[in-house]
Amino acid sequence: MNVNDTDLSVGSITKQLVRFVIPIWLGALIQQFYNMADAMFVGNYVGKAALAAVGGPCSQITTLMVCFFVDLAAGCSVIVAQYFGARDEKNVGRALHTAMAIAFIGGFALIGFGFACTPWLMRIMDASGEIYTYGKTYLYIYFGGMFFVTFYNLGSSTLRALGDSKSPFYALVAGCFTNIFLDWLFIAKFGFGVAGAAAATVISEGLSCVFILRSLSHLPEAYRLHFKKIGIHRDILGSMLRIGVPEATQTILYSITNIMIQTNIDGFGTNAIAAMSAYSKVDAFCWVTLDSFGVAITAISGQYYGAGKVDGVRRSVRVCAVLAAVSMTVIGGILLLLGPQLFTLFTRDPDVITIALEIQRLLVPFYLSFIGVVVLSGALRGMGYSFVPMFITLVGICIVRVIWLLTVVPLRPEFMTTIWSYPVTWTITSIAFLIYYRRMIRRECRLHA
């Protein structure tokens, strides 16, 4: 890999952003297809309760675990991107091997946590009966493969920080198609049920992990992955944790509020749970688009900042926000148009589909309000700011949602009242990020003038 081929701080911002974000976006879309495959096979071959378990409580718990490491990996990727932008190859290598050490320690810890806490996690989400049984089976198997999750996420984040978004894309493609095939084999042919869905996911994640580790071991010699060099460099670790821990803490708090919302939804019955599960699979196409731009702007702003080009950070944020808005408008329109057909992929129950369509009509137009949160927080993270963005998210998303659940929902205890907590908090948080970002970018411009 030639450094000049992956330096995102050189050349046209629009071209660099588009070139970089497309593999991330395509990979995320393919990943959603195999997540949908899990739900489709489970919903059609096992039943509504299994769909509710895998797409409801299990989805919230696994998302919490994965997103925790995605954001912890963001701290690693920011440091790698800044060193790479500054052409400090020695510290790029030290950062890479520290990130791999974090992946090893984190994977071991999560396996122990999952095996010890799965029944408790299902109970606090108010899962019962078949949903509890199915969910517990799925989670035990899923947690058994957490080493694959941590190594893949830390490794792919490092590659993207170096300007390589294609290798993680190829790894995802291999894992996704493997997962879909194994879903068909384990669930439709062998009748393994939710255990088959979980096993298919773990095996496919293992394959993706192997691809990523191979890519890291073929980097330029100055910062190539050597397993014997994996270890903690304390100065690098401190910088990574300074950025990654606030982001990971933000994710935990964010996910806890989502779990509270899911628990509230569980009180409206199986139809509501299944509808939210089906909707979450469809609306994931919007989220992966936004997340792709968030990953891209973090890497690009990190390289610009490391190279001392603060104006490049500002210009890249503008381009990224416009591209994200156009993408979300197009994708949101398609989802609204094809909603009834998409939901029938997961269930034929008319009551479930009706509820899912109601959720979709409310939330999809508000996704534009979340662009500020994703793009601006990503840019701030790339510049090394993490604590205040965590605080903004804590207040705007987490605390406001809890207040909504405790005050507004009891006044009007309806399913859609709970769903309204999403757009309200997205809008508030986006405005807060805009105010903080403008203040920080002006400060950085003065410092680098």
Protein backbone atom coordinates (compact mmCIF):
# COMPACT_ATOMS: atom_id res chain seq x y z
CA MET A 1 0.00 0.00 0.00
CA ASN A 2 1.49 3.30 -1.12
CA VAL A 3 1.17 6.15 1.39
CA ASN A 4 0.23 8.63 -1.35
CA ASP A 5 -2.61 6.36 -2.46
CA THR A 6 -4.24 6.42 0.98
CA ASP A 7 -3.50 9.97 2.18
CA LEU A 8 -6.99 11.48 2.38
CA SER A 9 -5.66 14.97 3.09
CA VAL A 10 -4.31 15.35 -0.46
CA GLY A 11 -6.39 16.22 -3.54
CA SER A 12 -10.08 17.00 -4.06
CA ILE A 13 -12.10 16.59 -0.86
CA THR A 14 -15.22 15.52 -2.73
CA LYS A 15 -13.37 12.88 -4.75
CA GLN A 16 -11.47 11.60 -1.73
CA LEU A 17 -14.63 11.43 0.39
CA VAL A 18 -16.67 9.66 -2.27
CA ARG A 19 -13.84 7.23 -3.05
CA PHE A 20 -13.36 6.47 0.62
CA VAL A 21 -16.98 6.29 1.73
CA ILE A 22 -18.36 4.08 -1.06
CA PRO A 23 -16.62 0.85 0.08
CA ILE A 24 -17.64 1.60 3.69
CA TRP A 25 -21.24 2.18 2.64
CA LEU A 26 -21.43 -0.84 0.33
CA GLY A 27 -19.90 -3.04 3.00
CA ALA A 28 -22.37 -1.78 5.58
CA LEU A 29 -25.27 -2.38 3.19
CA ILE A 30 -24.13 -5.93 2.54
CA GLN A 31 -23.80 -6.43 6.28
CA GLN A 32 -27.40 -5.31 6.68
CA PHE A 33 -28.46 -7.84 4.05
CA TYR A 34 -27.01 -10.64 6.10
CA ASN A 35 -28.56 -9.20 9.28
CA MET A 36 -31.83 -9.19 7.37
CA ALA A 37 -31.13 -12.78 6.31
CA ASP A 38 -30.94 -13.80 9.98
CA ALA A 39 -34.32 -12.17 10.63
CA MET A 40 -35.90 -13.51 7.43
CA PHE A 41 -34.88 -17.10 8.04
CA VAL A 42 -35.74 -16.95 11.75
CA GLY A 43 -39.08 -15.21 11.16
CA ASN A 44 -40.18 -17.52 8.35
CA TYR A 45 -38.78 -20.85 9.57
CA VAL A 46 -38.93 -20.56 13.37
CA GLY A 47 -41.75 -18.11 14.10
CA LYS A 48 -42.84 -14.72 15.37
CA ALA A 49 -41.49 -15.22 18.89
CA ALA A 50 -38.05 -16.12 17.53
CA LEU A 51 -38.09 -13.02 15.30
CA ALA A 52 -39.06 -10.89 18.30
CA ALA A 53 -36.19 -12.36 20.34
CA VAL A 54 -33.45 -12.07 17.71
CA GLY A 55 -34.57 -8.68 16.39
CA GLY A 56 -35.60 -7.22 19.74
CA PRO A 57 -33.68 -7.92 22.98
CA CYS A 58 -30.81 -9.78 21.28
CA SER A 59 -30.37 -7.05 18.70
CA GLN A 60 -30.19 -4.37 21.39
CA ILE A 61 -27.67 -6.33 23.47
CA THR A 62 -25.40 -7.34 20.59
CA THR A 63 -25.54 -3.81 19.18
CA LEU A 64 -24.44 -2.48 22.56
CA MET A 65 -21.45 -4.83 22.64
CA VAL A 66 -20.41 -4.21 19.03
CA CYS A 67 -20.91 -0.44 19.14
CA PHE A 68 -18.89 -0.23 22.35
CA PHE A 69 -15.89 -1.61 20.50
CA VAL A 70 -16.61 0.35 17.35
CA ASP A 71 -16.33 3.55 19.38
CA LEU A 72 -13.35 2.29 21.36
CA ALA A 73 -11.79 1.49 18.00
CA ALA A 74 -12.56 5.06 16.95
CA GLY A 75 -10.10 6.25 19.59
CA CYS A 76 -7.47 3.97 18.09
CA SER A 77 -8.25 5.04 14.53
CA VAL A 78 -8.03 8.74 15.36
CA ILE A 79 -4.53 8.34 16.77
CA VAL A 80 -3.47 6.21 13.79
CA ALA A 81 -4.94 8.75 11.34
CA GLN A 82 -3.21 11.68 13.02
CA TYR A 83 0.17 9.94 13.04
CA PHE A 84 -0.35 8.88 9.44
CA GLY A 85 -1.25 12.42 8.40
CA ALA A 86 1.93 13.64 10.12
CA ARG A 87 3.98 10.93 8.32
CA ASP A 88 5.10 9.45 11.66
CA GLU A 89 5.36 5.81 10.55
CA LYS A 90 7.05 4.57 13.73
CA ASN A 91 4.14 5.68 15.90
CA VAL A 92 1.65 4.37 13.34
CA GLY A 93 3.13 0.92 13.96
CA ARG A 94 3.11 1.36 17.73
CA ALA A 95 -0.53 2.47 17.62
CA LEU A 96 -1.53 -0.48 15.43
CA HIS A 97 -0.01 -3.05 17.77
CA THR A 98 -1.53 -1.35 20.80
CA ALA A 99 -4.94 -1.52 19.12
CA MET A 100 -4.52 -5.26 18.56
CA ALA A 101 -3.63 -5.72 22.23
CA ILE A 102 -6.84 -3.90 23.16
CA ALA A 103 -8.75 -6.25 20.84
CA PHE A 104 -7.30 -9.32 22.57
CA ILE A 105 -8.01 -8.09 26.10
CA GLY A 106 -11.48 -6.83 25.15
CA GLY A 107 -12.49 -10.04 23.41
CA PHE A 108 -11.51 -12.14 26.42
CA ALA A 109 -13.40 -9.83 28.78
CA LEU A 110 -16.58 -9.85 26.68
CA ILE A 111 -16.67 -13.63 26.42
CA GLY A 112 -16.61 -13.87 30.22
CA PHE A 113 -19.17 -11.09 30.57
CA GLY A 114 -21.54 -12.70 28.06
CA PHE A 115 -21.48 -16.14 29.62
CA ALA A 116 -21.98 -14.73 33.11
CA CYS A 117 -24.59 -12.07 32.36
CA THR A 118 -26.78 -13.32 29.49
CA PRO A 119 -29.72 -14.46 31.70
CA TRP A 120 -29.58 -11.17 33.62
CA LEU A 121 -29.47 -9.13 30.42
CA MET A 122 -32.56 -10.89 29.07
CA ARG A 123 -34.44 -10.42 32.34
CA ILE A 124 -33.74 -6.68 32.60
CA MET A 125 -35.17 -6.33 29.09
CA ASP A 126 -38.36 -7.92 30.37
CA ALA A 127 -38.08 -10.90 28.02
CA SER A 128 -40.18 -13.89 29.02
CA GLY A 129 -41.47 -17.20 27.74
CA GLU A 130 -40.29 -18.24 24.29
CA ILE A 131 -38.62 -14.89 23.68
CA TYR A 132 -36.42 -15.39 26.76
CA THR A 133 -35.52 -18.96 25.77
CA TYR A 134 -34.71 -18.10 22.17
CA GLY A 135 -32.77 -15.00 23.17
CA LYS A 136 -30.64 -16.78 25.75
CA THR A 137 -29.68 -19.49 23.25
CA TYR A 138 -28.72 -16.92 20.63
CA LEU A 139 -26.63 -14.79 22.99
CA TYR A 140 -24.64 -17.66 24.51
CA ILE A 141 -23.43 -18.67 21.05
CA TYR A 142 -22.90 -15.09 19.88
CA PHE A 143 -20.76 -14.15 22.90
CA GLY A 144 -18.59 -17.21 22.23
CA GLY A 145 -17.30 -15.47 19.11
CA MET A 146 -16.47 -12.07 20.60
CA PHE A 147 -12.75 -12.38 19.78
CA PHE A 148 -13.72 -12.20 16.12
CA VAL A 149 -15.83 -9.08 16.75
CA THR A 150 -13.11 -7.19 18.63
CA PHE A 151 -10.27 -8.04 16.25
CA TYR A 152 -12.38 -7.24 13.20
CA ASN A 153 -13.55 -3.87 14.53
CA LEU A 154 -10.16 -2.71 15.80
CA GLY A 155 -8.43 -3.97 12.68
CA SER A 156 -10.86 -2.50 10.15
CA SER A 157 -10.87 0.86 11.98
CA THR A 158 -7.08 0.94 11.78
CA LEU A 159 -7.12 0.21 8.05
CA ARG A 160 -9.66 2.96 7.43
CA ALA A 161 -7.56 5.38 9.45
CA LEU A 162 -4.74 4.59 7.01
CA GLY A 163 -7.05 5.47 4.12
CA ASP A 164 -7.85 1.85 3.15
CA SER A 165 -11.60 1.29 3.11
CA LYS A 166 -11.46 -1.45 0.45
CA SER A 167 -9.92 -4.22 2.55
CA PRO A 168 -12.64 -4.01 5.26
CA PHE A 169 -15.19 -4.04 2.42
CA TYR A 170 -13.79 -7.27 0.96
CA ALA A 171 -13.78 -8.82 4.43
CA LEU A 172 -17.42 -7.89 4.92
CA VAL A 173 -18.42 -9.28 1.53
CA ALA A 174 -16.81 -12.62 2.34
CA GLY A 175 -18.45 -12.74 5.77
CA CYS A 176 -21.88 -11.65 4.54
CA PHE A 177 -22.27 -14.21 1.79
CA THR A 178 -20.97 -16.90 4.11
CA ASN A 179 -23.56 -15.89 6.72
CA ILE A 180 -26.46 -15.98 4.25
CA PHE A 181 -25.44 -19.41 2.99
CA LEU A 182 -25.05 -20.76 6.53
CA ASP A 183 -28.42 -19.28 7.57
CA TRP A 184 -30.05 -21.22 4.76
CA LEU A 185 -28.10 -24.38 5.62
CA PHE A 186 -28.48 -24.29 9.42
CA ILE A 187 -32.05 -22.95 9.68
CA ALA A 188 -33.93 -23.92 6.51
CA LYS A 189 -32.23 -27.27 5.87
CA PHE A 190 -30.99 -28.55 9.24
CA GLY A 191 -33.66 -26.91 11.43
CA PHE A 192 -31.22 -25.56 14.03
CA GLY A 193 -33.44 -22.53 14.73
CA VAL A 194 -31.98 -19.47 16.48
CA ALA A 195 -28.90 -21.50 17.42
CA GLY A 196 -28.24 -21.91 13.71
CA ALA A 197 -28.61 -18.16 13.14
CA ALA A 198 -26.13 -17.41 15.92
CA ALA A 199 -23.64 -20.02 14.72
CA ALA A 200 -23.83 -18.67 11.17
CA THR A 201 -23.08 -15.17 12.47
CA VAL A 202 -20.09 -16.29 14.54
CA ILE A 203 -18.55 -18.32 11.69
CA SER A 204 -18.96 -15.48 9.20
CA GLU A 205 -17.43 -12.99 11.66
CA GLY A 206 -14.49 -15.34 12.07
CA LEU A 207 -13.92 -15.35 8.32
CA SER A 208 -14.06 -11.53 8.17
CA CYS A 209 -11.59 -11.36 11.05
CA VAL A 210 -9.11 -13.56 9.17
CA PHE A 211 -9.34 -11.28 6.11
CA ILE A 212 -8.65 -8.19 8.22
CA LEU A 213 -5.67 -9.71 10.01
CA ARG A 214 -4.23 -10.77 6.66
CA SER A 215 -4.58 -7.19 5.34
CA LEU A 216 -2.85 -5.78 8.41
CA SER A 217 0.01 -8.23 7.98
CA HIS A 218 0.57 -6.97 4.39
CA LEU A 219 0.94 -3.27 5.22
CA PRO A 220 4.27 -1.47 4.55
CA GLU A 221 7.00 -2.89 6.75
CA ALA A 222 7.29 0.28 8.87
CA TYR A 223 3.89 -0.37 10.45
CA ARG A 224 2.97 -3.91 9.36
CA LEU A 225 1.21 -6.17 11.86
CA HIS A 226 3.57 -8.67 13.50
CA PHE A 227 1.86 -10.82 16.10
CA LYS A 228 4.99 -10.97 18.26
CA LYS A 229 4.93 -7.16 18.49
CA ILE A 230 1.37 -6.97 19.82
CA GLY A 231 1.48 -5.19 23.15
CA ILE A 232 0.56 -2.08 25.06
CA HIS A 233 2.52 1.14 24.52
CA ARG A 234 1.43 3.24 27.46
CA ASP A 235 1.74 6.66 25.86
CA ILE A 236 -0.24 5.48 22.82
CA LEU A 237 -2.78 3.72 25.02
CA GLY A 238 -3.38 6.89 27.01
CA SER A 239 -4.09 8.91 23.87
CA MET A 240 -6.40 6.19 22.52
CA LEU A 241 -8.35 5.88 25.74
CA ARG A 242 -8.66 9.66 26.06
CA ILE A 243 -10.66 9.62 22.82
CA GLY A 244 -12.09 6.12 22.80
CA VAL A 245 -13.40 5.81 26.37
CA PRO A 246 -15.70 8.85 26.19
CA GLU A 247 -17.00 7.59 22.84
CA ALA A 248 -17.53 4.07 24.19
CA THR A 249 -19.16 5.45 27.35
CA GLN A 250 -21.44 7.52 25.14
CA THR A 251 -22.38 4.36 23.24
CA ILE A 252 -23.16 2.46 26.44
CA LEU A 253 -25.39 5.25 27.73
CA TYR A 254 -27.02 5.63 24.32
CA SER A 255 -27.68 1.90 24.14
CA ILE A 256 -29.01 1.81 27.70
CA THR A 257 -31.64 4.37 26.76
CA ASN A 258 -32.48 2.30 23.67
CA ILE A 259 -32.82 -0.74 25.92
CA MET A 260 -35.17 1.29 28.14
CA ILE A 261 -37.21 2.17 25.05
CA GLN A 262 -37.16 -1.49 23.95
CA THR A 263 -38.33 -2.53 27.40
CA ASN A 264 -41.15 0.00 27.16
CA ILE A 265 -42.05 -1.38 23.73
CA ASP A 266 -42.05 -4.92 25.13
CA GLY A 267 -44.98 -3.88 27.30
CA PHE A 268 -47.13 -3.37 24.20
CA GLY A 269 -46.99 -7.06 23.28
CA THR A 270 -45.49 -9.40 20.70
CA ASN A 271 -46.92 -7.54 17.70
CA ALA A 272 -45.24 -4.31 18.74
CA ILE A 273 -41.93 -6.10 19.44
CA ALA A 274 -42.03 -7.92 16.10
CA ALA A 275 -42.97 -4.70 14.27
CA MET A 276 -40.04 -2.83 15.80
CA SER A 277 -37.77 -5.77 14.98
CA ALA A 278 -38.86 -5.78 11.33
CA TYR A 279 -38.64 -2.00 11.11
CA SER A 280 -35.15 -1.94 12.60
CA LYS A 281 -33.95 -4.24 9.82
CA VAL A 282 -35.36 -1.97 7.11
CA ASP A 283 -34.37 1.35 8.68
CA ALA A 284 -30.85 0.02 9.13
CA PHE A 285 -30.25 1.05 5.50
CA CYS A 286 -30.55 4.67 6.62
CA TRP A 287 -28.35 4.20 9.66
CA VAL A 288 -25.55 2.44 7.83
CA THR A 289 -25.50 5.30 5.33
CA LEU A 290 -25.14 7.86 8.09
CA ASP A 291 -22.60 5.74 9.95
CA SER A 292 -20.53 5.39 6.76
CA PHE A 293 -20.24 9.15 6.49
CA GLY A 294 -19.39 9.33 10.20
CA VAL A 295 -16.55 6.82 9.80
CA ALA A 296 -15.29 8.61 6.70
CA ILE A 297 -15.27 12.10 8.22
CA THR A 298 -13.43 10.83 11.31
CA ALA A 299 -10.61 9.36 9.21
CA ILE A 300 -10.42 12.35 6.84
CA SER A 301 -10.55 15.00 9.56
CA GLY A 302 -7.98 13.04 11.56
CA GLN A 303 -5.54 13.02 8.66
CA TYR A 304 -6.16 16.70 7.89
CA TYR A 305 -5.71 17.62 11.53
CA GLY A 306 -2.55 15.55 11.84
CA ALA A 307 -1.20 17.35 8.78
CA GLY A 308 -2.07 20.74 10.33
CA LYS A 309 -4.74 21.56 7.71
CA VAL A 310 -7.67 22.77 9.84
CA ASP A 311 -9.35 24.47 6.89
CA GLY A 312 -9.39 21.06 5.23
CA VAL A 313 -11.35 19.72 8.20
CA ARG A 314 -13.93 22.49 7.80
CA ARG A 315 -14.29 22.00 4.05
CA SER A 316 -14.55 18.22 4.39
CA VAL A 317 -17.36 18.61 6.96
CA ARG A 318 -19.35 20.77 4.53
CA VAL A 319 -18.94 18.30 1.68
CA CYS A 320 -19.75 15.34 3.93
CA ALA A 321 -22.94 16.95 5.29
CA VAL A 322 -24.23 17.73 1.79
CA LEU A 323 -23.50 14.23 0.48
CA ALA A 324 -25.10 12.69 3.56
CA ALA A 325 -28.26 14.80 3.14
CA VAL A 326 -28.62 13.86 -0.54
CA SER A 327 -28.05 10.18 0.22
CA MET A 328 -30.56 10.15 3.07
CA THR A 329 -33.21 11.89 0.98
CA VAL A 330 -32.90 9.30 -1.79
CA ILE A 331 -32.75 6.25 0.48
CA GLY A 332 -35.50 7.50 2.76
CA GLY A 333 -37.78 8.09 -0.23
CA ILE A 334 -37.16 4.57 -1.53
CA LEU A 335 -37.89 3.02 1.87
CA LEU A 336 -41.14 4.96 2.22
CA LEU A 337 -42.20 3.87 -1.27
CA LEU A 338 -41.33 0.19 -0.82
CA GLY A 339 -42.16 -0.16 2.89
CA PRO A 340 -45.10 -2.61 2.57
CA GLN A 341 -43.12 -4.93 0.30
CA LEU A 342 -40.00 -4.79 2.46
CA PHE A 343 -41.80 -5.68 5.68
CA THR A 344 -43.40 -8.75 4.10
CA LEU A 345 -39.89 -10.20 3.86
CA PHE A 346 -39.94 -10.66 7.63
CA THR A 347 -43.56 -11.41 8.46
CA ARG A 348 -46.95 -11.89 6.82
CA ASP A 349 -48.85 -10.80 9.92
CA PRO A 350 -50.96 -7.77 8.83
CA ASP A 351 -51.07 -6.28 12.34
CA VAL A 352 -47.28 -6.34 12.61
CA ILE A 353 -46.88 -4.76 9.16
CA THR A 354 -49.38 -1.99 9.99
CA ILE A 355 -47.44 -1.01 13.11
CA ALA A 356 -44.11 -1.13 11.26
CA LEU A 357 -45.44 1.21 8.54
CA GLU A 358 -46.66 3.66 11.16
CA ILE A 359 -43.19 3.77 12.72
CA GLN A 360 -41.59 4.25 9.32
CA ARG A 361 -43.81 7.17 8.28
CA LEU A 362 -42.90 9.00 11.48
CA LEU A 363 -39.14 8.41 11.68
CA VAL A 364 -37.77 8.40 8.13
CA PRO A 365 -38.28 12.16 7.47
CA PHE A 366 -36.43 12.98 10.70
CA TYR A 367 -33.23 11.18 9.72
CA LEU A 368 -32.01 14.41 8.14
CA SER A 369 -31.98 15.92 11.63
CA PHE A 370 -29.43 13.31 12.74
CA ILE A 371 -26.83 14.26 10.13
CA GLY A 372 -25.44 16.96 12.40
CA VAL A 373 -24.87 14.44 15.18
CA VAL A 374 -23.02 11.95 12.98
CA VAL A 375 -20.94 14.28 10.81
CA LEU A 376 -20.05 16.91 13.39
CA SER A 377 -19.25 14.44 16.16
CA GLY A 378 -17.12 12.48 13.69
CA ALA A 379 -15.14 15.58 12.72
CA LEU A 380 -14.67 16.60 16.35
CA ARG A 381 -13.46 13.10 17.20
CA GLY A 382 -10.98 13.25 14.31
CA MET A 383 -9.55 16.45 15.80
CA GLY A 384 -9.19 14.75 19.19
CA TYR A 385 -12.23 16.21 20.96
CA SER A 386 -14.21 13.55 22.75
CA PHE A 387 -15.36 14.58 26.23
CA VAL A 388 -17.75 17.42 25.33
CA PRO A 389 -19.32 15.42 22.45
CA MET A 390 -19.92 12.64 24.97
CA PHE A 391 -21.58 15.14 27.31
CA ILE A 392 -23.76 16.56 24.51
CA THR A 393 -24.93 13.06 23.59
CA LEU A 394 -25.46 12.16 27.24
CA VAL A 395 -27.78 15.13 27.75
CA GLY A 396 -29.41 15.44 24.33
CA ILE A 397 -30.03 11.76 23.68
CA CYS A 398 -29.86 9.85 26.94
CA ILE A 399 -31.20 12.20 29.61
CA VAL A 400 -33.89 13.75 27.42
CA ARG A 401 -35.10 10.28 26.41
CA VAL A 402 -35.29 9.14 30.02
CA ILE A 403 -37.24 12.30 30.89
CA TRP A 404 -39.56 11.61 27.95
CA LEU A 405 -40.18 8.02 29.06
CA LEU A 406 -40.84 9.08 32.67
CA THR A 407 -43.02 12.13 31.99
CA VAL A 408 -44.55 12.24 28.49
CA VAL A 409 -45.24 8.53 27.97
CA PRO A 410 -47.24 8.15 31.24
CA LEU A 411 -49.40 11.11 30.18
CA ARG A 412 -50.20 9.38 26.90
CA PRO A 413 -49.28 5.69 27.29
CA GLU A 414 -49.39 4.73 23.62
CA PHE A 415 -46.88 2.91 21.47
CA MET A 416 -46.21 5.85 19.14
CA THR A 417 -45.63 8.19 22.09
CA THR A 418 -42.61 6.08 22.92
CA ILE A 419 -41.40 6.19 19.31
CA TRP A 420 -41.60 10.01 19.28
CA SER A 421 -38.67 10.05 21.73
CA TYR A 422 -36.34 9.37 18.80
CA PRO A 423 -36.93 12.43 16.56
CA VAL A 424 -37.23 14.79 19.52
CA THR A 425 -33.81 13.84 20.89
CA TRP A 426 -32.15 13.70 17.44
CA THR A 427 -33.14 17.30 16.74
CA ILE A 428 -32.06 18.66 20.12
CA THR A 429 -28.68 16.92 19.97
CA SER A 430 -27.95 17.97 16.40
CA ILE A 431 -28.48 21.64 17.26
CA ALA A 432 -26.17 21.32 20.27
CA PHE A 433 -23.43 19.72 18.13
CA LEU A 434 -23.68 22.47 15.55
CA ILE A 435 -23.14 25.15 18.21
CA TYR A 436 -20.14 23.33 19.75
CA TYR A 437 -18.53 22.44 16.40
CA ARG A 438 -18.62 26.05 15.16
CA ARG A 439 -16.99 27.19 18.38
CA MET A 440 -14.20 24.60 18.20
CA ILE A 441 -13.44 25.06 14.51
CA ARG A 442 -13.04 28.80 15.02
CA ARG A 443 -10.69 28.09 17.92
CA GLU A 444 -8.59 25.66 15.87
CA CYS A 445 -8.38 28.12 12.96
CA ARG A 446 -7.01 30.79 15.32
CA LEU A 447 -4.47 28.36 16.79
CA HIS A 448 -3.23 27.26 13.36
CA ALA A 449 -3.31 30.71 11.73
